[in-house]
Amino acid sequence: MDGRHGGQGAIGGKLHVTDHRLVFDAHPAIRLRGRFSVFLPLITDVRDTSRGIRKQIQVSTGTQRFTFVVRGVPRLIATIDHVRRAVTPEQARRLAGAALADYARVGEGLRIAPGVEAANVALREALSAVHALRSAITPP
C-alpha cells in the first residue's frame, strides 16, 4: 500500500486498521520513513477515489486528506466504516486524551532518511548532467 504525501508522490508502506485508528508504516527502504496514525473518530469521510487500474481510497478528517493506494478497496472501506461506528463517544474522548498525553504513541510522523536522500540527490544531478550532455551534442 502506498500513502500519498503532500502531493509529492507515493510512499510505500503498510496501512493497518486497528480498533481505534488507521496506522501507516512507511517501508524502511524508501526516502521517507516513519509512522503516522489517524484516529478513527476524527475521520469524516472515506471514499473510493480509484482511477483506472490504480485502486485507492481517500480518508478525510476535519483538517486533512490522505490518499492510500490499496488492494481490496470496497472491503477496506467497509472495514473502516464498521470499526468507526463501533467507537463510542466515551472511547473517542479517552482516545483524544491519550493522544494528547502521549503523542509518541500516535507515531513520529514521516521523516527523510539522510542516506537515501543523498543517493536521490546524486542520481538527480547525474540525470540532469546526462540530459544537458544530450542537448549539447544533439543537432538542432
Foldseek 3Di string as FASTA:
>chain_A
DWKQDPVPDTFDFDWDDDLFWIKTAGDPVAFKGKMAIDTLLQWPDKDWPDDDPFTWIWTDGPPDIMIDGDPPRVVVVVVSVVSSVVQDPVNVVVVVVVCVVCVVVRMPDIDGDVVNVVVVVVVVVVVVVVVVVCVVPDDD
